[in-house]
Protein backbone atom coordinates (compact mmCIF):
# COMPACT_ATOMS: atom_id res chain seq x y z
CA UNK A 1 0.00 0.00 0.00
CA UNK A 2 1.09 3.52 -0.69
CA UNK A 3 -0.24 6.86 0.47
CA UNK A 4 -1.30 9.57 -1.98
CA UNK A 5 1.89 11.44 -1.06
CA UNK A 6 4.08 8.41 -1.83
CA UNK A 7 2.37 7.88 -5.18
CA UNK A 8 2.67 11.58 -5.96
CA UNK A 9 6.41 11.50 -5.24
CA UNK A 10 6.86 8.42 -7.44
CA UNK A 11 4.88 10.01 -10.28
CA UNK A 12 6.90 13.21 -9.96
CA UNK A 13 10.03 11.10 -10.46
CA UNK A 14 8.39 9.66 -13.56
CA UNK A 15 7.58 13.18 -14.78
CA UNK A 16 11.16 14.26 -14.22
CA UNK A 17 12.41 11.34 -16.32
CA UNK A 18 9.75 12.09 -18.94
CA UNK A 19 10.93 15.71 -19.21
CA UNK A 20 14.56 14.56 -19.47
CA UNK A 21 13.48 12.29 -22.32
CA UNK A 22 11.49 15.12 -23.92
CA UNK A 23 14.45 17.47 -23.82
CA UNK A 24 16.78 14.95 -25.44
CA UNK A 25 14.22 14.00 -28.07
CA UNK A 26 13.38 17.64 -28.90
CA UNK A 27 17.04 18.68 -29.09
CA UNK A 28 17.81 15.76 -31.42
CA UNK A 29 14.92 16.75 -33.68
CA UNK A 30 15.86 20.40 -33.69
CA UNK A 31 19.51 19.70 -34.50
CA UNK A 32 18.57 17.63 -37.52
CA UNK A 33 15.84 19.86 -38.97
CA UNK A 34 17.06 21.86 -41.94
CA UNK A 35 14.13 22.38 -44.30
CA UNK A 36 11.15 22.91 -41.99
CA UNK A 37 11.76 26.25 -40.23
CA UNK A 38 8.29 26.59 -38.63
CA UNK A 39 8.60 23.17 -37.01
CA UNK A 40 12.16 23.90 -35.85
CA UNK A 41 11.09 27.24 -34.35
CA UNK A 42 8.20 25.62 -32.47
CA UNK A 43 10.39 22.78 -31.21
CA UNK A 44 13.06 25.24 -30.04
CA UNK A 45 10.39 27.19 -28.16
CA UNK A 46 9.14 23.99 -26.54
CA UNK A 47 12.68 23.06 -25.50
CA UNK A 48 12.74 26.23 -23.41
CA UNK A 49 9.34 25.34 -21.93
CA UNK A 50 10.64 21.84 -21.18
CA UNK A 51 13.63 23.24 -19.30
CA UNK A 52 11.24 25.33 -17.20
CA UNK A 53 9.07 22.27 -16.61
CA UNK A 54 12.09 20.31 -15.42
CA UNK A 55 12.87 23.07 -12.94
CA UNK A 56 9.29 23.09 -11.60
CA UNK A 57 9.31 19.30 -11.15
CA UNK A 58 12.72 19.40 -9.47
CA UNK A 59 11.41 22.06 -7.07
CA UNK A 60 8.40 19.87 -6.24
CA UNK A 61 10.61 16.84 -5.66
CA UNK A 62 12.98 18.81 -3.46
CA UNK A 63 10.16 20.39 -1.43
CA UNK A 64 8.69 16.93 -0.80
CA UNK A 65 12.06 15.60 0.38
CA UNK A 66 12.57 13.47 -2.70
CA UNK A 67 14.90 13.49 -5.64
CA UNK A 68 14.83 12.38 -9.22
CA UNK A 69 15.44 8.75 -10.06
CA UNK A 70 18.77 8.30 -11.81
CA UNK A 71 17.60 5.00 -13.27
CA UNK A 72 14.39 6.51 -14.64
CA UNK A 73 16.26 9.55 -15.98
CA UNK A 74 18.85 7.39 -17.75
CA UNK A 75 16.17 5.10 -19.14
CA UNK A 76 14.27 8.09 -20.51
CA UNK A 77 17.39 9.53 -22.12
CA UNK A 78 18.27 6.16 -23.65
CA UNK A 79 14.78 5.86 -25.07
CA UNK A 80 15.08 9.33 -26.58
CA UNK A 81 18.47 8.45 -28.05
CA UNK A 82 16.99 5.31 -29.60
CA UNK A 83 14.13 7.32 -31.07
CA UNK A 84 16.55 9.86 -32.52
CA UNK A 85 18.82 7.22 -34.06
CA UNK A 86 15.89 5.21 -35.38
CA UNK A 87 14.26 8.31 -36.82
CA UNK A 88 17.43 9.45 -38.53
CA UNK A 89 17.47 6.22 -40.54
CA UNK A 90 14.01 6.79 -42.03
CA UNK A 91 13.49 8.61 -45.31
CA UNK A 92 10.45 10.34 -43.81
CA UNK A 93 12.21 11.31 -40.57
CA UNK A 94 10.46 14.68 -40.25
CA UNK A 95 6.98 13.15 -40.52
CA UNK A 96 7.72 10.27 -38.16
CA UNK A 97 9.31 12.71 -35.73
CA UNK A 98 6.28 15.01 -35.77
CA UNK A 99 3.94 12.06 -35.27
CA UNK A 100 6.05 10.72 -32.39
CA UNK A 101 6.15 14.20 -30.89
CA UNK A 102 2.37 14.42 -30.98
CA UNK A 103 2.04 11.04 -29.26
CA UNK A 104 4.65 11.99 -26.65
CA UNK A 105 2.88 15.30 -25.91
CA UNK A 106 -0.32 13.38 -25.25
CA UNK A 107 1.51 11.08 -22.81
CA UNK A 108 2.73 14.21 -21.04
CA UNK A 109 -0.82 15.62 -20.99
CA UNK A 110 -2.06 12.42 -19.38
CA UNK A 111 0.81 12.44 -16.87
CA UNK A 112 0.18 16.00 -15.74
CA UNK A 113 -3.55 15.34 -15.52
CA UNK A 114 -2.78 12.43 -13.17
CA UNK A 115 -0.30 14.53 -11.19
CA UNK A 116 -2.86 17.30 -10.69
CA UNK A 117 -5.41 14.81 -9.36
CA UNK A 118 -2.79 13.13 -7.15
CA UNK A 119 -1.59 16.48 -5.78
CA UNK A 120 -5.19 17.40 -4.94
CA UNK A 121 -5.66 14.07 -3.15
CA UNK A 122 -2.39 14.59 -1.25
CA UNK A 123 -3.35 18.15 -0.31
CA UNK A 124 -0.25 19.48 -2.09
CA UNK A 125 -1.42 22.76 -3.58
CA UNK A 126 2.09 23.82 -4.67
CA UNK A 127 2.64 20.69 -6.75
CA UNK A 128 -0.88 21.01 -8.10
CA UNK A 129 -0.17 24.60 -9.17
CA UNK A 130 3.13 23.61 -10.80
CA UNK A 131 1.46 20.86 -12.79
CA UNK A 132 -1.41 23.17 -13.72
CA UNK A 133 1.21 25.57 -15.09
CA UNK A 134 2.86 22.83 -17.17
CA UNK A 135 -0.29 21.15 -18.53
CA UNK A 136 -1.37 23.98 -20.89
CA UNK A 137 2.14 24.11 -22.37
CA UNK A 138 1.94 20.42 -23.26
CA UNK A 139 -1.59 20.86 -24.60
CA UNK A 140 -0.46 23.80 -26.74
CA UNK A 141 2.44 21.82 -28.23
CA UNK A 142 0.18 18.84 -29.00
CA UNK A 143 -2.41 21.13 -30.58
CA UNK A 144 0.28 22.90 -32.63
CA UNK A 145 1.63 19.60 -33.95
CA UNK A 146 -1.83 18.28 -34.80
CA UNK A 147 -2.78 21.52 -36.52
CA UNK A 148 0.45 21.62 -38.54
CA UNK A 149 0.71 17.93 -39.50
CA UNK A 150 -1.22 18.41 -42.79
CA UNK A 151 0.96 21.41 -43.79
CA UNK A 152 4.12 19.55 -42.79
CA UNK A 153 3.00 16.51 -44.75
CA UNK A 154 2.33 18.61 -47.85
CA UNK A 155 5.75 20.25 -47.56
CA UNK A 156 7.39 16.85 -47.14
CA UNK A 157 5.54 15.40 -50.12
CA UNK A 158 6.46 18.37 -52.33
CA UNK A 159 10.12 18.12 -51.34
CA UNK A 160 10.06 14.35 -51.71
CA UNK A 161 8.85 14.62 -55.34
CA UNK A 162 11.59 17.04 -56.31
CA UNK A 163 14.89 15.25 -57.08
CA UNK A 164 16.79 18.46 -56.30
CA UNK A 165 15.44 18.78 -52.75
CA UNK A 166 15.95 16.82 -49.57
CA UNK A 167 12.68 15.98 -47.82
CA UNK A 168 13.94 13.88 -44.93
CA UNK A 169 14.96 16.62 -42.50
C-alpha atoms as a PDB file:
ATOM      1  CA  UNK A   1       0.000   0.000   0.000  1.00  0.00           C
ATOM      2  CA  UNK A   2       1.093   3.524  -0.688  1.00  0.00           C
ATOM      3  CA  UNK A   3      -0.236   6.863   0.473  1.00  0.00           C
ATOM      4  CA  UNK A   4      -1.301   9.570  -1.983  1.00  0.00           C
ATOM      5  CA  UNK A   5       1.892  11.440  -1.056  1.00  0.00           C
ATOM      6  CA  UNK A   6       4.078   8.408  -1.830  1.00  0.00           C
ATOM      7  CA  UNK A   7       2.367   7.880  -5.180  1.00  0.00           C
ATOM      8  CA  UNK A   8       2.669  11.579  -5.955  1.00  0.00           C
ATOM      9  CA  UNK A   9       6.406  11.499  -5.241  1.00  0.00           C
ATOM     10  CA  UNK A  10       6.862   8.424  -7.439  1.00  0.00           C
ATOM     11  CA  UNK A  11       4.879  10.008 -10.283  1.00  0.00           C
ATOM     12  CA  UNK A  12       6.900  13.209  -9.965  1.00  0.00           C
ATOM     13  CA  UNK A  13      10.029  11.103 -10.463  1.00  0.00           C
ATOM     14  CA  UNK A  14       8.389   9.656 -13.565  1.00  0.00           C
ATOM     15  CA  UNK A  15       7.577  13.182 -14.779  1.00  0.00           C
ATOM     16  CA  UNK A  16      11.164  14.259 -14.223  1.00  0.00           C
ATOM     17  CA  UNK A  17      12.412  11.336 -16.321  1.00  0.00           C
ATOM     18  CA  UNK A  18       9.753  12.091 -18.941  1.00  0.00           C
ATOM     19  CA  UNK A  19      10.933  15.710 -19.205  1.00  0.00           C
ATOM     20  CA  UNK A  20      14.557  14.561 -19.467  1.00  0.00           C
ATOM     21  CA  UNK A  21      13.484  12.294 -22.324  1.00  0.00           C
ATOM     22  CA  UNK A  22      11.485  15.115 -23.916  1.00  0.00           C
ATOM     23  CA  UNK A  23      14.450  17.471 -23.818  1.00  0.00           C
ATOM     24  CA  UNK A  24      16.778  14.948 -25.436  1.00  0.00           C
ATOM     25  CA  UNK A  25      14.223  14.004 -28.070  1.00  0.00           C
ATOM     26  CA  UNK A  26      13.380  17.635 -28.900  1.00  0.00           C
ATOM     27  CA  UNK A  27      17.036  18.676 -29.094  1.00  0.00           C
ATOM     28  CA  UNK A  28      17.810  15.762 -31.420  1.00  0.00           C
ATOM     29  CA  UNK A  29      14.918  16.749 -33.682  1.00  0.00           C
ATOM     30  CA  UNK A  30      15.862  20.401 -33.688  1.00  0.00           C
ATOM     31  CA  UNK A  31      19.508  19.697 -34.496  1.00  0.00           C
ATOM     32  CA  UNK A  32      18.571  17.627 -37.522  1.00  0.00           C
ATOM     33  CA  UNK A  33      15.842  19.855 -38.970  1.00  0.00           C
ATOM     34  CA  UNK A  34      17.062  21.855 -41.936  1.00  0.00           C
ATOM     35  CA  UNK A  35      14.134  22.382 -44.300  1.00  0.00           C
ATOM     36  CA  UNK A  36      11.149  22.911 -41.990  1.00  0.00           C
ATOM     37  CA  UNK A  37      11.756  26.253 -40.226  1.00  0.00           C
ATOM     38  CA  UNK A  38       8.293  26.586 -38.633  1.00  0.00           C
ATOM     39  CA  UNK A  39       8.605  23.172 -37.006  1.00  0.00           C
ATOM     40  CA  UNK A  40      12.164  23.903 -35.847  1.00  0.00           C
ATOM     41  CA  UNK A  41      11.092  27.243 -34.349  1.00  0.00           C
ATOM     42  CA  UNK A  42       8.199  25.624 -32.468  1.00  0.00           C
ATOM     43  CA  UNK A  43      10.390  22.780 -31.212  1.00  0.00           C
ATOM     44  CA  UNK A  44      13.060  25.236 -30.043  1.00  0.00           C
ATOM     45  CA  UNK A  45      10.388  27.189 -28.165  1.00  0.00           C
ATOM     46  CA  UNK A  46       9.137  23.992 -26.536  1.00  0.00           C
ATOM     47  CA  UNK A  47      12.681  23.056 -25.500  1.00  0.00           C
ATOM     48  CA  UNK A  48      12.741  26.233 -23.406  1.00  0.00           C
ATOM     49  CA  UNK A  49       9.341  25.336 -21.930  1.00  0.00           C
ATOM     50  CA  UNK A  50      10.642  21.841 -21.183  1.00  0.00           C
ATOM     51  CA  UNK A  51      13.629  23.239 -19.300  1.00  0.00           C
ATOM     52  CA  UNK A  52      11.237  25.326 -17.199  1.00  0.00           C
ATOM     53  CA  UNK A  53       9.070  22.273 -16.607  1.00  0.00           C
ATOM     54  CA  UNK A  54      12.090  20.310 -15.419  1.00  0.00           C
ATOM     55  CA  UNK A  55      12.867  23.066 -12.939  1.00  0.00           C
ATOM     56  CA  UNK A  56       9.294  23.087 -11.599  1.00  0.00           C
ATOM     57  CA  UNK A  57       9.310  19.301 -11.155  1.00  0.00           C
ATOM     58  CA  UNK A  58      12.724  19.399  -9.474  1.00  0.00           C
ATOM     59  CA  UNK A  59      11.412  22.056  -7.072  1.00  0.00           C
ATOM     60  CA  UNK A  60       8.402  19.873  -6.237  1.00  0.00           C
ATOM     61  CA  UNK A  61      10.606  16.839  -5.659  1.00  0.00           C
ATOM     62  CA  UNK A  62      12.978  18.814  -3.456  1.00  0.00           C
ATOM     63  CA  UNK A  63      10.163  20.393  -1.431  1.00  0.00           C
ATOM     64  CA  UNK A  64       8.695  16.931  -0.796  1.00  0.00           C
ATOM     65  CA  UNK A  65      12.055  15.603   0.375  1.00  0.00           C
ATOM     66  CA  UNK A  66      12.573  13.470  -2.702  1.00  0.00           C
ATOM     67  CA  UNK A  67      14.896  13.489  -5.637  1.00  0.00           C
ATOM     68  CA  UNK A  68      14.828  12.376  -9.216  1.00  0.00           C
ATOM     69  CA  UNK A  69      15.435   8.752 -10.059  1.00  0.00           C
ATOM     70  CA  UNK A  70      18.770   8.298 -11.809  1.00  0.00           C
ATOM     71  CA  UNK A  71      17.601   4.995 -13.268  1.00  0.00           C
ATOM     72  CA  UNK A  72      14.387   6.512 -14.639  1.00  0.00           C
ATOM     73  CA  UNK A  73      16.261   9.551 -15.983  1.00  0.00           C
ATOM     74  CA  UNK A  74      18.854   7.392 -17.748  1.00  0.00           C
ATOM     75  CA  UNK A  75      16.173   5.096 -19.136  1.00  0.00           C
ATOM     76  CA  UNK A  76      14.270   8.087 -20.510  1.00  0.00           C
ATOM     77  CA  UNK A  77      17.389   9.526 -22.119  1.00  0.00           C
ATOM     78  CA  UNK A  78      18.272   6.157 -23.649  1.00  0.00           C
ATOM     79  CA  UNK A  79      14.779   5.856 -25.074  1.00  0.00           C
ATOM     80  CA  UNK A  80      15.078   9.334 -26.579  1.00  0.00           C
ATOM     81  CA  UNK A  81      18.467   8.449 -28.047  1.00  0.00           C
ATOM     82  CA  UNK A  82      16.989   5.310 -29.596  1.00  0.00           C
ATOM     83  CA  UNK A  83      14.128   7.323 -31.066  1.00  0.00           C
ATOM     84  CA  UNK A  84      16.549   9.858 -32.522  1.00  0.00           C
ATOM     85  CA  UNK A  85      18.822   7.224 -34.056  1.00  0.00           C
ATOM     86  CA  UNK A  86      15.886   5.215 -35.382  1.00  0.00           C
ATOM     87  CA  UNK A  87      14.261   8.306 -36.821  1.00  0.00           C
ATOM     88  CA  UNK A  88      17.427   9.451 -38.530  1.00  0.00           C
ATOM     89  CA  UNK A  89      17.471   6.218 -40.537  1.00  0.00           C
ATOM     90  CA  UNK A  90      14.013   6.792 -42.028  1.00  0.00           C
ATOM     91  CA  UNK A  91      13.494   8.605 -45.308  1.00  0.00           C
ATOM     92  CA  UNK A  92      10.451  10.337 -43.809  1.00  0.00           C
ATOM     93  CA  UNK A  93      12.207  11.310 -40.573  1.00  0.00           C
ATOM     94  CA  UNK A  94      10.460  14.685 -40.250  1.00  0.00           C
ATOM     95  CA  UNK A  95       6.976  13.150 -40.517  1.00  0.00           C
ATOM     96  CA  UNK A  96       7.720  10.266 -38.162  1.00  0.00           C
ATOM     97  CA  UNK A  97       9.305  12.711 -35.726  1.00  0.00           C
ATOM     98  CA  UNK A  98       6.277  15.009 -35.771  1.00  0.00           C
ATOM     99  CA  UNK A  99       3.939  12.056 -35.265  1.00  0.00           C
ATOM    100  CA  UNK A 100       6.050  10.716 -32.391  1.00  0.00           C
ATOM    101  CA  UNK A 101       6.153  14.196 -30.893  1.00  0.00           C
ATOM    102  CA  UNK A 102       2.365  14.415 -30.982  1.00  0.00           C
ATOM    103  CA  UNK A 103       2.042  11.040 -29.263  1.00  0.00           C
ATOM    104  CA  UNK A 104       4.650  11.990 -26.651  1.00  0.00           C
ATOM    105  CA  UNK A 105       2.882  15.297 -25.909  1.00  0.00           C
ATOM    106  CA  UNK A 106      -0.320  13.378 -25.247  1.00  0.00           C
ATOM    107  CA  UNK A 107       1.508  11.083 -22.814  1.00  0.00           C
ATOM    108  CA  UNK A 108       2.732  14.214 -21.041  1.00  0.00           C
ATOM    109  CA  UNK A 109      -0.816  15.617 -20.990  1.00  0.00           C
ATOM    110  CA  UNK A 110      -2.063  12.417 -19.376  1.00  0.00           C
ATOM    111  CA  UNK A 111       0.812  12.436 -16.868  1.00  0.00           C
ATOM    112  CA  UNK A 112       0.183  15.997 -15.739  1.00  0.00           C
ATOM    113  CA  UNK A 113      -3.551  15.343 -15.517  1.00  0.00           C
ATOM    114  CA  UNK A 114      -2.782  12.431 -13.174  1.00  0.00           C
ATOM    115  CA  UNK A 115      -0.302  14.533 -11.193  1.00  0.00           C
ATOM    116  CA  UNK A 116      -2.855  17.304 -10.687  1.00  0.00           C
ATOM    117  CA  UNK A 117      -5.410  14.810  -9.357  1.00  0.00           C
ATOM    118  CA  UNK A 118      -2.785  13.128  -7.148  1.00  0.00           C
ATOM    119  CA  UNK A 119      -1.589  16.478  -5.781  1.00  0.00           C
ATOM    120  CA  UNK A 120      -5.190  17.396  -4.940  1.00  0.00           C
ATOM    121  CA  UNK A 121      -5.656  14.069  -3.149  1.00  0.00           C
ATOM    122  CA  UNK A 122      -2.393  14.587  -1.251  1.00  0.00           C
ATOM    123  CA  UNK A 123      -3.352  18.154  -0.308  1.00  0.00           C
ATOM    124  CA  UNK A 124      -0.251  19.484  -2.089  1.00  0.00           C
ATOM    125  CA  UNK A 125      -1.420  22.762  -3.583  1.00  0.00           C
ATOM    126  CA  UNK A 126       2.087  23.815  -4.669  1.00  0.00           C
ATOM    127  CA  UNK A 127       2.641  20.686  -6.751  1.00  0.00           C
ATOM    128  CA  UNK A 128      -0.883  21.008  -8.101  1.00  0.00           C
ATOM    129  CA  UNK A 129      -0.166  24.602  -9.168  1.00  0.00           C
ATOM    130  CA  UNK A 130       3.135  23.613 -10.801  1.00  0.00           C
ATOM    131  CA  UNK A 131       1.462  20.858 -12.792  1.00  0.00           C
ATOM    132  CA  UNK A 132      -1.407  23.170 -13.719  1.00  0.00           C
ATOM    133  CA  UNK A 133       1.210  25.568 -15.094  1.00  0.00           C
ATOM    134  CA  UNK A 134       2.858  22.831 -17.167  1.00  0.00           C
ATOM    135  CA  UNK A 135      -0.292  21.145 -18.528  1.00  0.00           C
ATOM    136  CA  UNK A 136      -1.369  23.978 -20.886  1.00  0.00           C
ATOM    137  CA  UNK A 137       2.140  24.113 -22.370  1.00  0.00           C
ATOM    138  CA  UNK A 138       1.941  20.421 -23.257  1.00  0.00           C
ATOM    139  CA  UNK A 139      -1.585  20.857 -24.601  1.00  0.00           C
ATOM    140  CA  UNK A 140      -0.463  23.797 -26.739  1.00  0.00           C
ATOM    141  CA  UNK A 141       2.435  21.819 -28.225  1.00  0.00           C
ATOM    142  CA  UNK A 142       0.181  18.841 -28.996  1.00  0.00           C
ATOM    143  CA  UNK A 143      -2.406  21.130 -30.583  1.00  0.00           C
ATOM    144  CA  UNK A 144       0.280  22.896 -32.634  1.00  0.00           C
ATOM    145  CA  UNK A 145       1.628  19.599 -33.946  1.00  0.00           C
ATOM    146  CA  UNK A 146      -1.826  18.275 -34.802  1.00  0.00           C
ATOM    147  CA  UNK A 147      -2.782  21.517 -36.519  1.00  0.00           C
ATOM    148  CA  UNK A 148       0.450  21.619 -38.544  1.00  0.00           C
ATOM    149  CA  UNK A 149       0.712  17.931 -39.502  1.00  0.00           C
ATOM    150  CA  UNK A 150      -1.217  18.415 -42.786  1.00  0.00           C
ATOM    151  CA  UNK A 151       0.959  21.405 -43.786  1.00  0.00           C
ATOM    152  CA  UNK A 152       4.116  19.551 -42.788  1.00  0.00           C
ATOM    153  CA  UNK A 153       2.995  16.509 -44.749  1.00  0.00           C
ATOM    154  CA  UNK A 154       2.328  18.612 -47.846  1.00  0.00           C
ATOM    155  CA  UNK A 155       5.746  20.247 -47.559  1.00  0.00           C
ATOM    156  CA  UNK A 156       7.389  16.850 -47.142  1.00  0.00           C
ATOM    157  CA  UNK A 157       5.537  15.400 -50.121  1.00  0.00           C
ATOM    158  CA  UNK A 158       6.464  18.368 -52.334  1.00  0.00           C
ATOM    159  CA  UNK A 159      10.120  18.124 -51.341  1.00  0.00           C
ATOM    160  CA  UNK A 160      10.058  14.350 -51.712  1.00  0.00           C
ATOM    161  CA  UNK A 161       8.851  14.620 -55.336  1.00  0.00           C
ATOM    162  CA  UNK A 162      11.593  17.037 -56.312  1.00  0.00           C
ATOM    163  CA  UNK A 163      14.885  15.246 -57.077  1.00  0.00           C
ATOM    164  CA  UNK A 164      16.792  18.462 -56.298  1.00  0.00           C
ATOM    165  CA  UNK A 165      15.443  18.784 -52.750  1.00  0.00           C
ATOM    166  CA  UNK A 166      15.951  16.818 -49.569  1.00  0.00           C
ATOM    167  CA  UNK A 167      12.683  15.976 -47.824  1.00  0.00           C
ATOM    168  CA  UNK A 168      13.944  13.884 -44.926  1.00  0.00           C
ATOM    169  CA  UNK A 169      14.962  16.624 -42.503  1.00  0.00           C
END
